[in-house]
Amino acid sequence: MPHCIIDFSANVPGYDVAEGLTRACHSAMVASGLFEPASIKTRAHQAEAAKTGEGDDSFIHVNISIMPGRSSEQKRALMDAIAVAIDGVEIQASSLTMEVRELEKAHYFKKLT
């Protein structure tokens, strides 16, 4: 924990968009100092089919799931840092959206092998 899951439309331009977004977001999560670096999990998924509004605008959506304990200011700073990191890899979409979700510890399962 935390998990950073990035969804993006197939029409986001650029070479190896998934790798670029994953690297940028993961680095921003580590640099935030809010989490143990070894516990951060980041992954990106291209949406095979997607529609936005009434057209086919491109999008990037970042969903960050964390355990409780961070302030609203810390969450906002994290989202701002991720937005800057994405801008830094020059991956652009018509829209960038993000959300931070707090999970209830009782509703999260982890098994190490």
PDB file of N, CA and C in Angstrom:
ATOM      1  N   MET A   1       0.873  -1.144   0.000  1.00  0.00           N
ATOM      2  CA  MET A   1       0.000   0.000   0.000  1.00  0.00           C
ATOM      3  C   MET A   1       0.919   1.205   0.000  1.00  0.00           C
ATOM      4  N   PRO A   2       0.779   2.186  -0.712  1.00  0.00           N
ATOM      5  CA  PRO A   2      -0.357   2.578  -1.538  1.00  0.00           C
ATOM      6  C   PRO A   2      -0.302   1.971  -2.934  1.00  0.00           C
ATOM      7  N   HIS A   3      -1.445   2.075  -3.609  1.00  0.00           N
ATOM      8  CA  HIS A   3      -1.544   1.660  -5.002  1.00  0.00           C
ATOM      9  C   HIS A   3      -1.841   2.882  -5.856  1.00  0.00           C
ATOM     10  N   CYS A   4      -1.117   3.011  -6.941  1.00  0.00           N
ATOM     11  CA  CYS A   4      -1.339   4.081  -7.909  1.00  0.00           C
ATOM     12  C   CYS A   4      -1.676   3.403  -9.228  1.00  0.00           C
ATOM     13  N   ILE A   5      -2.940   3.544  -9.642  1.00  0.00           N
ATOM     14  CA  ILE A   5      -3.418   2.876 -10.850  1.00  0.00           C
ATOM     15  C   ILE A   5      -3.774   3.948 -11.876  1.00  0.00           C
ATOM     16  N   ILE A   6      -3.148   3.856 -13.023  1.00  0.00           N
ATOM     17  CA  ILE A   6      -3.309   4.858 -14.070  1.00  0.00           C
ATOM     18  C   ILE A   6      -4.052   4.224 -15.235  1.00  0.00           C
ATOM     19  N   ASP A   7      -5.144   4.852 -15.629  1.00  0.00           N
ATOM     20  CA  ASP A   7      -5.873   4.444 -16.832  1.00  0.00           C
ATOM     21  C   ASP A   7      -5.700   5.554 -17.861  1.00  0.00           C
ATOM     22  N   PHE A   8      -5.513   5.166 -19.115  1.00  0.00           N
ATOM     23  CA  PHE A   8      -5.389   6.173 -20.165  1.00  0.00           C
ATOM     24  C   PHE A   8      -6.012   5.644 -21.444  1.00  0.00           C
ATOM     25  N   SER A   9      -6.531   6.559 -22.237  1.00  0.00           N
ATOM     26  CA  SER A   9      -7.173   6.168 -23.489  1.00  0.00           C
ATOM     27  C   SER A   9      -6.122   5.827 -24.537  1.00  0.00           C
ATOM     28  N   ALA A  10      -6.525   5.007 -25.481  1.00  0.00           N
ATOM     29  CA  ALA A  10      -5.604   4.547 -26.524  1.00  0.00           C
ATOM     30  C   ALA A  10      -5.130   5.680 -27.421  1.00  0.00           C
ATOM     31  N   ASN A  11      -5.844   6.803 -27.418  1.00  0.00           N
ATOM     32  CA  ASN A  11      -5.462   7.913 -28.290  1.00  0.00           C
ATOM     33  C   ASN A  11      -4.575   8.950 -27.605  1.00  0.00           C
ATOM     34  N   VAL A  12      -3.994   8.595 -26.457  1.00  0.00           N
ATOM     35  CA  VAL A  12      -2.971   9.461 -25.852  1.00  0.00           C
ATOM     36  C   VAL A  12      -1.710   9.290 -26.690  1.00  0.00           C
ATOM     37  N   PRO A  13      -1.214  10.389 -27.258  1.00  0.00           N
ATOM     38  CA  PRO A  13      -0.062  10.255 -28.160  1.00  0.00           C
ATOM     39  C   PRO A  13       1.249  10.033 -27.411  1.00  0.00           C
ATOM     40  N   GLY A  14       2.174   9.358 -28.080  1.00  0.00           N
ATOM     41  CA  GLY A  14       3.502   9.171 -27.521  1.00  0.00           C
ATOM     42  C   GLY A  14       3.934   7.727 -27.567  1.00  0.00           C
ATOM     43  N   TYR A  15       5.231   7.539 -27.467  1.00  0.00           N
ATOM     44  CA  TYR A  15       5.816   6.203 -27.483  1.00  0.00           C
ATOM     45  C   TYR A  15       5.859   5.662 -26.069  1.00  0.00           C
ATOM     46  N   ASP A  16       5.411   4.465 -25.848  1.00  0.00           N
ATOM     47  CA  ASP A  16       5.438   3.774 -24.563  1.00  0.00           C
ATOM     48  C   ASP A  16       4.827   4.624 -23.449  1.00  0.00           C
ATOM     49  N   VAL A  17       3.594   5.028 -23.681  1.00  0.00           N
ATOM     50  CA  VAL A  17       2.870   5.874 -22.739  1.00  0.00           C
ATOM     51  C   VAL A  17       2.768   5.207 -21.371  1.00  0.00           C
ATOM     52  N   ALA A  18       2.459   3.915 -21.330  1.00  0.00           N
ATOM     53  CA  ALA A  18       2.295   3.215 -20.051  1.00  0.00           C
ATOM     54  C   ALA A  18       3.565   3.295 -19.215  1.00  0.00           C
ATOM     55  N   GLU A  19       4.712   3.047 -19.831  1.00  0.00           N
ATOM     56  CA  GLU A  19       5.981   3.099 -19.099  1.00  0.00           C
ATOM     57  C   GLU A  19       6.259   4.516 -18.606  1.00  0.00           C
ATOM     58  N   GLY A  20       6.049   5.511 -19.448  1.00  0.00           N
ATOM     59  CA  GLY A  20       6.301   6.892 -19.054  1.00  0.00           C
ATOM     60  C   GLY A  20       5.419   7.344 -17.903  1.00  0.00           C
ATOM     61  N   LEU A  21       4.130   7.011 -17.976  1.00  0.00           N
ATOM     62  CA  LEU A  21       3.217   7.385 -16.895  1.00  0.00           C
ATOM     63  C   LEU A  21       3.550   6.647 -15.606  1.00  0.00           C
ATOM     64  N   THR A  22       3.845   5.366 -15.722  1.00  0.00           N
ATOM     65  CA  THR A  22       4.190   4.579 -14.530  1.00  0.00           C
ATOM     66  C   THR A  22       5.425   5.138 -13.847  1.00  0.00           C
ATOM     67  N   ARG A  23       6.457   5.395 -14.622  1.00  0.00           N
ATOM     68  CA  ARG A  23       7.703   5.930 -14.066  1.00  0.00           C
ATOM     69  C   ARG A  23       7.477   7.295 -13.415  1.00  0.00           C
ATOM     70  N   ALA A  24       6.767   8.183 -14.090  1.00  0.00           N
ATOM     71  CA  ALA A  24       6.539   9.531 -13.565  1.00  0.00           C
ATOM     72  C   ALA A  24       5.732   9.503 -12.273  1.00  0.00           C
ATOM     73  N   CYS A  25       4.649   8.760 -12.274  1.00  0.00           N
ATOM     74  CA  CYS A  25       3.794   8.713 -11.083  1.00  0.00           C
ATOM     75  C   CYS A  25       4.489   8.032  -9.918  1.00  0.00           C
ATOM     76  N   HIS A  26       5.193   6.939 -10.198  1.00  0.00           N
ATOM     77  CA  HIS A  26       5.898   6.228  -9.126  1.00  0.00           C
ATOM     78  C   HIS A  26       6.965   7.124  -8.493  1.00  0.00           C
ATOM     79  N   SER A  27       7.710   7.828  -9.319  1.00  0.00           N
ATOM     80  CA  SER A  27       8.748   8.730  -8.801  1.00  0.00           C
ATOM     81  C   SER A  27       8.145   9.813  -7.924  1.00  0.00           C
ATOM     82  N   ALA A  28       7.010  10.359  -8.341  1.00  0.00           N
ATOM     83  CA  ALA A  28       6.351  11.401  -7.540  1.00  0.00           C
ATOM     84  C   ALA A  28       5.851  10.837  -6.215  1.00  0.00           C
ATOM     85  N   MET A  29       5.351   9.612  -6.231  1.00  0.00           N
ATOM     86  CA  MET A  29       4.895   8.978  -4.988  1.00  0.00           C
ATOM     87  C   MET A  29       6.061   8.787  -4.024  1.00  0.00           C
ATOM     88  N   VAL A  30       7.192   8.315  -4.548  1.00  0.00           N
ATOM     89  CA  VAL A  30       8.383   8.127  -3.707  1.00  0.00           C
ATOM     90  C   VAL A  30       8.862   9.466  -3.153  1.00  0.00           C
ATOM     91  N   ALA A  31       8.964  10.467  -4.028  1.00  0.00           N
ATOM     92  CA  ALA A  31       9.483  11.778  -3.629  1.00  0.00           C
ATOM     93  C   ALA A  31       8.583  12.493  -2.622  1.00  0.00           C
ATOM     94  N   SER A  32       7.311  12.113  -2.559  1.00  0.00           N
ATOM     95  CA  SER A  32       6.391  12.778  -1.635  1.00  0.00           C
ATOM     96  C   SER A  32       6.790  12.588  -0.181  1.00  0.00           C
ATOM     97  N   GLY A  33       7.478  11.492   0.118  1.00  0.00           N
ATOM     98  CA  GLY A  33       7.857  11.207   1.493  1.00  0.00           C
ATOM     99  C   GLY A  33       6.696  10.730   2.352  1.00  0.00           C
ATOM    100  N   LEU A  34       5.549  10.500   1.748  1.00  0.00           N
ATOM    101  CA  LEU A  34       4.363  10.083   2.503  1.00  0.00           C
ATOM    102  C   LEU A  34       4.287   8.576   2.720  1.00  0.00           C
ATOM    103  N   PHE A  35       5.111   7.827   1.980  1.00  0.00           N
ATOM    104  CA  PHE A  35       5.003   6.376   1.998  1.00  0.00           C
ATOM    105  C   PHE A  35       6.396   5.748   2.040  1.00  0.00           C
ATOM    106  N   GLU A  36       6.453   4.514   2.543  1.00  0.00           N
ATOM    107  CA  GLU A  36       7.675   3.740   2.450  1.00  0.00           C
ATOM    108  C   GLU A  36       7.865   3.376   0.971  1.00  0.00           C
ATOM    109  N   PRO A  37       8.988   3.742   0.378  1.00  0.00           N
ATOM    110  CA  PRO A  37       9.162   3.476  -1.060  1.00  0.00           C
ATOM    111  C   PRO A  37       8.918   2.031  -1.463  1.00  0.00           C
ATOM    112  N   ALA A  38       9.329   1.083  -0.634  1.00  0.00           N
ATOM    113  CA  ALA A  38       9.168  -0.331  -0.986  1.00  0.00           C
ATOM    114  C   ALA A  38       7.706  -0.770  -1.013  1.00  0.00           C
ATOM    115  N   SER A  39       6.808   0.020  -0.422  1.00  0.00           N
ATOM    116  CA  SER A  39       5.403  -0.380  -0.355  1.00  0.00           C
ATOM    117  C   SER A  39       4.563   0.182  -1.503  1.00  0.00           C
ATOM    118  N   ILE A  40       5.120   1.077  -2.308  1.00  0.00           N
ATOM    119  CA  ILE A  40       4.368   1.726  -3.380  1.00  0.00           C
ATOM    120  C   ILE A  40       4.254   0.787  -4.578  1.00  0.00           C
ATOM    121  N   LYS A  41       3.041   0.649  -5.085  1.00  0.00           N
ATOM    122  CA  LYS A  41       2.788  -0.172  -6.268  1.00  0.00           C
ATOM    123  C   LYS A  41       2.120   0.711  -7.316  1.00  0.00           C
ATOM    124  N   THR A  42       2.714   0.791  -8.490  1.00  0.00           N
ATOM    125  CA  THR A  42       2.211   1.663  -9.551  1.00  0.00           C
ATOM    126  C   THR A  42       2.056   0.850 -10.822  1.00  0.00           C
ATOM    127  N   ARG A  43       0.930   1.035 -11.487  1.00  0.00           N
ATOM    128  CA  ARG A  43       0.711   0.335 -12.751  1.00  0.00           C
ATOM    129  C   ARG A  43      -0.182   1.179 -13.650  1.00  0.00           C
ATOM    130  N   ALA A  44      -0.044   0.948 -14.941  1.00  0.00           N
ATOM    131  CA  ALA A  44      -0.820   1.693 -15.929  1.00  0.00           C
ATOM    132  C   ALA A  44      -1.527   0.724 -16.867  1.00  0.00           C
ATOM    133  N   HIS A  45      -2.725   1.129 -17.269  1.00  0.00           N
ATOM    134  CA  HIS A  45      -3.545   0.313 -18.167  1.00  0.00           C
ATOM    135  C   HIS A  45      -4.098   1.196 -19.276  1.00  0.00           C
ATOM    136  N   GLN A  46      -3.920   0.750 -20.496  1.00  0.00           N
ATOM    137  CA  GLN A  46      -4.547   1.441 -21.618  1.00  0.00           C
ATOM    138  C   GLN A  46      -5.967   0.914 -21.774  1.00  0.00           C
ATOM    139  N   ALA A  47      -6.916   1.814 -21.850  1.00  0.00           N
ATOM    140  CA  ALA A  47      -8.305   1.421 -22.063  1.00  0.00           C
ATOM    141  C   ALA A  47      -8.474   1.001 -23.529  1.00  0.00           C
ATOM    142  N   GLU A  48      -8.866  -0.226 -23.744  1.00  0.00           N
ATOM    143  CA  GLU A  48      -9.048  -0.710 -25.110  1.00  0.00           C
ATOM    144  C   GLU A  48     -10.196  -0.006 -25.810  1.00  0.00           C
ATOM    145  N   ALA A  49     -11.208   0.330 -25.053  1.00  0.00           N
ATOM    146  CA  ALA A  49     -12.351   1.063 -25.592  1.00  0.00           C
ATOM    147  C   ALA A  49     -12.691   2.161 -24.597  1.00  0.00           C
ATOM    148  N   ALA A  50     -12.895   3.368 -25.097  1.00  0.00           N
ATOM    149  CA  ALA A  50     -13.210   4.481 -24.209  1.00  0.00           C
ATOM    150  C   ALA A  50     -13.958   5.562 -24.971  1.00  0.00           C
ATOM    151  N   LYS A  51     -14.863   6.224 -24.301  1.00  0.00           N
ATOM    152  CA  LYS A  51     -15.570   7.379 -24.839  1.00  0.00           C
ATOM    153  C   LYS A  51     -15.520   8.464 -23.773  1.00  0.00           C
ATOM    154  N   THR A  52     -15.413   9.692 -24.206  1.00  0.00           N
ATOM    155  CA  THR A  52     -15.434  10.814 -23.283  1.00  0.00           C
ATOM    156  C   THR A  52     -16.469  11.823 -23.770  1.00  0.00           C
ATOM    157  N   GLY A  53     -17.415  12.136 -22.914  1.00  0.00           N
ATOM    158  CA  GLY A  53     -18.439  13.098 -23.285  1.00  0.00           C
ATOM    159  C   GLY A  53     -19.115  12.709 -24.585  1.00  0.00           C
ATOM    160  N   GLU A  54     -19.095  13.617 -25.523  1.00  0.00           N
ATOM    161  CA  GLU A  54     -19.723  13.362 -26.811  1.00  0.00           C
ATOM    162  C   GLU A  54     -18.699  13.083 -27.899  1.00  0.00           C
ATOM    163  N   GLY A  55     -17.441  12.886 -27.510  1.00  0.00           N
ATOM    164  CA  GLY A  55     -16.412  12.690 -28.519  1.00  0.00           C
ATOM    165  C   GLY A  55     -15.430  11.611 -28.144  1.00  0.00           C
ATOM    166  N   ASP A  56     -14.251  11.749 -28.696  1.00  0.00           N
ATOM    167  CA  ASP A  56     -13.196  10.775 -28.461  1.00  0.00           C
ATOM    168  C   ASP A  56     -11.950  11.448 -27.903  1.00  0.00           C
ATOM    169  N   ASP A  57     -12.152  12.411 -27.002  1.00  0.00           N
ATOM    170  CA  ASP A  57     -11.010  13.093 -26.410  1.00  0.00           C
ATOM    171  C   ASP A  57     -10.154  12.096 -25.637  1.00  0.00           C
ATOM    172  N   SER A  58      -8.858  12.367 -25.588  1.00  0.00           N
ATOM    173  CA  SER A  58      -7.943  11.503 -24.856  1.00  0.00           C
ATOM    174  C   SER A  58      -8.011  11.845 -23.363  1.00  0.00           C
ATOM    175  N   PHE A  59      -7.660  10.866 -22.535  1.00  0.00           N
ATOM    176  CA  PHE A  59      -7.684  11.119 -21.093  1.00  0.00           C
ATOM    177  C   PHE A  59      -6.618  10.296 -20.378  1.00  0.00           C
ATOM    178  N   ILE A  60      -6.249  10.800 -19.215  1.00  0.00           N
ATOM    179  CA  ILE A  60      -5.435  10.083 -18.242  1.00  0.00           C
ATOM    180  C   ILE A  60      -6.172  10.228 -16.913  1.00  0.00           C
ATOM    181  N   HIS A  61      -6.378   9.119 -16.221  1.00  0.00           N
ATOM    182  CA  HIS A  61      -6.992   9.164 -14.892  1.00  0.00           C
ATOM    183  C   HIS A  61      -6.094   8.399 -13.930  1.00  0.00           C
ATOM    184  N   VAL A  62      -5.742   9.041 -12.826  1.00  0.00           N
ATOM    185  CA  VAL A  62      -4.872   8.439 -11.816  1.00  0.00           C
ATOM    186  C   VAL A  62      -5.699   8.217 -10.554  1.00  0.00           C
ATOM    187  N   ASN A  63      -5.733   6.974 -10.115  1.00  0.00           N
ATOM    188  CA  ASN A  63      -6.459   6.602  -8.906  1.00  0.00           C
ATOM    189  C   ASN A  63      -5.432   6.150  -7.871  1.00  0.00           C
ATOM    190  N   ILE A  64      -5.388   6.828  -6.745  1.00  0.00           N
ATOM    191  CA  ILE A  64      -4.424   6.518  -5.692  1.00  0.00           C
ATOM    192  C   ILE A  64      -5.194   6.017  -4.478  1.00  0.00           C
ATOM    193  N   SER A  65      -4.937   4.779  -4.073  1.00  0.00           N
ATOM    194  CA  SER A  65      -5.579   4.192  -2.902  1.00  0.00           C
ATOM    195  C   SER A  65      -4.553   4.143  -1.775  1.00  0.00           C
ATOM    196  N   ILE A  66      -4.926   4.725  -0.638  1.00  0.00           N
ATOM    197  CA  ILE A  66      -3.999   4.800   0.501  1.00  0.00           C
ATOM    198  C   ILE A  66      -4.732   4.436   1.792  1.00  0.00           C
ATOM    199  N   MET A  67      -3.958   4.122   2.807  1.00  0.00           N
ATOM    200  CA  MET A  67      -4.516   3.936   4.141  1.00  0.00           C
ATOM    201  C   MET A  67      -4.725   5.324   4.760  1.00  0.00           C
ATOM    202  N   PRO A  68      -5.642   5.436   5.711  1.00  0.00           N
ATOM    203  CA  PRO A  68      -5.887   6.729   6.354  1.00  0.00           C
ATOM    204  C   PRO A  68      -4.640   7.252   7.071  1.00  0.00           C
ATOM    205  N   GLY A  69      -4.630   8.554   7.290  1.00  0.00           N
ATOM    206  CA  GLY A  69      -3.561   9.136   8.078  1.00  0.00           C
ATOM    207  C   GLY A  69      -2.876  10.331   7.430  1.00  0.00           C
ATOM    208  N   ARG A  70      -3.266  10.676   6.217  1.00  0.00           N
ATOM    209  CA  ARG A  70      -2.678  11.852   5.559  1.00  0.00           C
ATOM    210  C   ARG A  70      -3.711  12.967   5.528  1.00  0.00           C
ATOM    211  N   SER A  71      -3.238  14.178   5.674  1.00  0.00           N
ATOM    212  CA  SER A  71      -4.131  15.336   5.670  1.00  0.00           C
ATOM    213  C   SER A  71      -4.600  15.649   4.248  1.00  0.00           C
ATOM    214  N   SER A  72      -5.640  16.473   4.162  1.00  0.00           N
ATOM    215  CA  SER A  72      -6.122  16.921   2.851  1.00  0.00           C
ATOM    216  C   SER A  72      -5.029  17.673   2.110  1.00  0.00           C
ATOM    217  N   GLU A  73      -4.236  18.445   2.841  1.00  0.00           N
ATOM    218  CA  GLU A  73      -3.138  19.196   2.225  1.00  0.00           C
ATOM    219  C   GLU A  73      -2.088  18.252   1.650  1.00  0.00           C
ATOM    220  N   GLN A  74      -1.776  17.183   2.364  1.00  0.00           N
ATOM    221  CA  GLN A  74      -0.802  16.213   1.865  1.00  0.00           C
ATOM    222  C   GLN A  74      -1.321  15.503   0.619  1.00  0.00           C
ATOM    223  N   LYS A  75      -2.586  15.167   0.615  1.00  0.00           N
ATOM    224  CA  LYS A  75      -3.182  14.509  -0.554  1.00  0.00           C
ATOM    225  C   LYS A  75      -3.174  15.450  -1.757  1.00  0.00           C
ATOM    226  N   ARG A  76      -3.514  16.706  -1.525  1.00  0.00           N
ATOM    227  CA  ARG A  76      -3.517  17.690  -2.616  1.00  0.00           C
ATOM    228  C   ARG A  76      -2.106  17.886  -3.159  1.00  0.00           C
ATOM    229  N   ALA A  77      -1.115  17.980  -2.254  1.00  0.00           N
ATOM    230  CA  ALA A  77       0.279  18.141  -2.678  1.00  0.00           C
ATOM    231  C   ALA A  77       0.735  16.935  -3.493  1.00  0.00           C
ATOM    232  N   LEU A  78       0.292  15.745  -3.119  1.00  0.00           N
ATOM    233  CA  LEU A  78       0.636  14.532  -3.865  1.00  0.00           C
ATOM    234  C   LEU A  78       0.062  14.597  -5.274  1.00  0.00           C
ATOM    235  N   MET A  79      -1.199  14.982  -5.396  1.00  0.00           N
ATOM    236  CA  MET A  79      -1.816  15.081  -6.722  1.00  0.00           C
ATOM    237  C   MET A  79      -1.123  16.145  -7.568  1.00  0.00           C
ATOM    238  N   ASP A  80      -0.779  17.271  -6.958  1.00  0.00           N
ATOM    239  CA  ASP A  80      -0.064  18.324  -7.682  1.00  0.00           C
ATOM    240  C   ASP A  80       1.290  17.817  -8.177  1.00  0.00           C
ATOM    241  N   ALA A  81       2.001  17.077  -7.323  1.00  0.00           N
ATOM    242  CA  ALA A  81       3.316  16.546  -7.702  1.00  0.00           C
ATOM    243  C   ALA A  81       3.197  15.534  -8.840  1.00  0.00           C
ATOM    244  N   ILE A  82       2.171  14.715  -8.812  1.00  0.00           N
ATOM    245  CA  ILE A  82       1.968  13.745  -9.888  1.00  0.00           C
ATOM    246  C   ILE A  82       1.650  14.460 -11.199  1.00  0.00           C
ATOM    247  N   ALA A  83       0.831  15.501 -11.137  1.00  0.00           N
ATOM    248  CA  ALA A  83       0.514  16.273 -12.345  1.00  0.00           C
ATOM    249  C   ALA A  83       1.768  16.887 -12.946  1.00  0.00           C
ATOM    250  N   VAL A  84       2.639  17.424 -12.107  1.00  0.00           N
ATOM    251  CA  VAL A  84       3.900  18.002 -12.582  1.00  0.00           C
ATOM    252  C   VAL A  84       4.780  16.915 -13.188  1.00  0.00           C
ATOM    253  N   ALA A  85       4.823  15.745 -12.550  1.00  0.00           N
ATOM    254  CA  ALA A  85       5.637  14.637 -13.056  1.00  0.00           C
ATOM    255  C   ALA A  85       5.145  14.175 -14.426  1.00  0.00           C
ATOM    256  N   ILE A  86       3.836  14.099 -14.607  1.00  0.00           N
ATOM    257  CA  ILE A  86       3.287  13.704 -15.902  1.00  0.00           C
ATOM    258  C   ILE A  86       3.624  14.758 -16.955  1.00  0.00           C
ATOM    259  N   ASP A  87       3.511  16.033 -16.588  1.00  0.00           N
ATOM    260  CA  ASP A  87       3.894  17.101 -17.517  1.00  0.00           C
ATOM    261  C   ASP A  87       5.363  16.966 -17.919  1.00  0.00           C
ATOM    262  N   GLY A  88       6.191  16.508 -16.996  1.00  0.00           N
ATOM    263  CA  GLY A  88       7.629  16.388 -17.239  1.00  0.00           C
ATOM    264  C   GLY A  88       8.005  15.330 -18.248  1.00  0.00           C
ATOM    265  N   VAL A  89       7.162  14.338 -18.440  1.00  0.00           N
ATOM    266  CA  VAL A  89       7.463  13.310 -19.441  1.00  0.00           C
ATOM    267  C   VAL A  89       6.763  13.609 -20.762  1.00  0.00           C
ATOM    268  N   GLU A  90       6.161  14.773 -20.829  1.00  0.00           N
ATOM    269  CA  GLU A  90       5.554  15.271 -22.061  1.00  0.00           C
ATOM    270  C   GLU A  90       4.530  14.318 -22.657  1.00  0.00           C
ATOM    271  N   ILE A  91       3.763  13.712 -21.788  1.00  0.00           N
ATOM    272  CA  ILE A  91       2.626  12.915 -22.217  1.00  0.00           C
ATOM    273  C   ILE A  91       1.396  13.774 -21.978  1.00  0.00           C
ATOM    274  N   GLN A  92       0.711  14.094 -23.055  1.00  0.00           N
ATOM    275  CA  GLN A  92      -0.423  15.000 -22.943  1.00  0.00           C
ATOM    276  C   GLN A  92      -1.705  14.326 -23.388  1.00  0.00           C
ATOM    277  N   ALA A  93      -2.761  14.666 -22.683  1.00  0.00           N
ATOM    278  CA  ALA A  93      -4.087  14.174 -23.025  1.00  0.00           C
ATOM    279  C   ALA A  93      -5.051  15.349 -22.919  1.00  0.00           C
ATOM    280  N   SER A  94      -6.229  15.188 -23.468  1.00  0.00           N
ATOM    281  CA  SER A  94      -7.234  16.246 -23.386  1.00  0.00           C
ATOM    282  C   SER A  94      -7.620  16.538 -21.942  1.00  0.00           C
ATOM    283  N   SER A  95      -7.562  15.506 -21.098  1.00  0.00           N
ATOM    284  CA  SER A  95      -7.863  15.720 -19.681  1.00  0.00           C
ATOM    285  C   SER A  95      -7.001  14.821 -18.806  1.00  0.00           C
ATOM    286  N   LEU A  96      -6.666  15.351 -17.651  1.00  0.00           N
ATOM    287  CA  LEU A  96      -5.978  14.604 -16.597  1.00  0.00           C
ATOM    288  C   LEU A  96      -6.849  14.729 -15.360  1.00  0.00           C
ATOM    289  N   THR A  97      -7.280  13.593 -14.828  1.00  0.00           N
ATOM    290  CA  THR A  97      -8.064  13.593 -13.593  1.00  0.00           C
ATOM    291  C   THR A  97      -7.374  12.684 -12.590  1.00  0.00           C
ATOM    292  N   MET A  98      -7.615  12.973 -11.311  1.00  0.00           N
ATOM    293  CA  MET A  98      -7.021  12.189 -10.238  1.00  0.00           C
ATOM    294  C   MET A  98      -7.966  12.113  -9.063  1.00  0.00           C
ATOM    295  N   GLU A  99      -7.820  11.048  -8.309  1.00  0.00           N
ATOM    296  CA  GLU A  99      -8.533  10.943  -7.040  1.00  0.00           C
ATOM    297  C   GLU A  99      -7.672  10.162  -6.064  1.00  0.00           C
ATOM    298  N   VAL A 100      -7.795  10.530  -4.794  1.00  0.00           N
ATOM    299  CA  VAL A 100      -7.141   9.804  -3.713  1.00  0.00           C
ATOM    300  C   VAL A 100      -8.255   9.186  -2.882  1.00  0.00           C
ATOM    301  N   ARG A 101      -8.173   7.890  -2.720  1.00  0.00           N
ATOM    302  CA  ARG A 101      -9.169   7.167  -1.927  1.00  0.00           C
ATOM    303  C   ARG A 101      -8.507   6.599  -0.687  1.00  0.00           C
ATOM    304  N   GLU A 102      -9.156   6.788   0.443  1.00  0.00           N
ATOM    305  CA  GLU A 102      -8.690   6.151   1.669  1.00  0.00           C
ATOM    306  C   GLU A 102      -9.405   4.822   1.835  1.00  0.00           C
ATOM    307  N   LEU A 103      -8.642   3.786   2.074  1.00  0.00           N
ATOM    308  CA  LEU A 103      -9.203   2.461   2.295  1.00  0.00           C
ATOM    309  C   LEU A 103      -9.368   2.216   3.792  1.00  0.00           C
ATOM    310  N   GLU A 104     -10.355   1.443   4.142  1.00  0.00           N
ATOM    311  CA  GLU A 104     -10.479   1.023   5.530  1.00  0.00           C
ATOM    312  C   GLU A 104      -9.563  -0.175   5.740  1.00  0.00           C
ATOM    313  N   LYS A 105      -8.740  -0.106   6.760  1.00  0.00           N
ATOM    314  CA  LYS A 105      -7.774  -1.177   7.010  1.00  0.00           C
ATOM    315  C   LYS A 105      -8.460  -2.540   7.096  1.00  0.00           C
ATOM    316  N   ALA A 106      -9.641  -2.594   7.683  1.00  0.00           N
ATOM    317  CA  ALA A 106     -10.367  -3.852   7.827  1.00  0.00           C
ATOM    318  C   ALA A 106     -10.819  -4.413   6.478  1.00  0.00           C
ATOM    319  N   HIS A 107     -10.825  -3.566   5.445  1.00  0.00           N
ATOM    320  CA  HIS A 107     -11.290  -3.995   4.133  1.00  0.00           C
ATOM    321  C   HIS A 107     -10.161  -4.154   3.124  1.00  0.00           C
ATOM    322  N   TYR A 108      -8.939  -4.242   3.618  1.00  0.00           N
ATOM    323  CA  TYR A 108      -7.782  -4.429   2.739  1.00  0.00           C
ATOM    324  C   TYR A 108      -7.083  -5.720   3.143  1.00  0.00           C
ATOM    325  N   PHE A 109      -6.725  -6.528   2.146  1.00  0.00           N
ATOM    326  CA  PHE A 109      -6.061  -7.805   2.393  1.00  0.00           C
ATOM    327  C   PHE A 109      -4.710  -7.810   1.697  1.00  0.00           C
ATOM    328  N   LYS A 110      -3.718  -8.329   2.390  1.00  0.00           N
ATOM    329  CA  LYS A 110      -2.396  -8.503   1.800  1.00  0.00           C
ATOM    330  C   LYS A 110      -1.800  -9.780   2.353  1.00  0.00           C
ATOM    331  N   LYS A 111      -1.242 -10.587   1.445  1.00  0.00           N
ATOM    332  CA  LYS A 111      -0.594 -11.826   1.845  1.00  0.00           C
ATOM    333  C   LYS A 111       0.791 -11.840   1.213  1.00  0.00           C
ATOM    334  N   LEU A 112       1.804 -11.995   1.998  1.00  0.00           N
ATOM    335  CA  LEU A 112       3.161 -12.105   1.499  1.00  0.00           C
ATOM    336  C   LEU A 112       3.560 -13.566   1.476  1.00  0.00           C
ATOM    337  N   THR A 113       4.250 -13.950   0.413  1.00  0.00           N
ATOM    338  CA  THR A 113       4.697 -15.347   0.333  1.00  0.00           C
ATOM    339  C   THR A 113       6.196 -15.435   0.400  1.00  0.00           C
TER     340      THR A 113
END
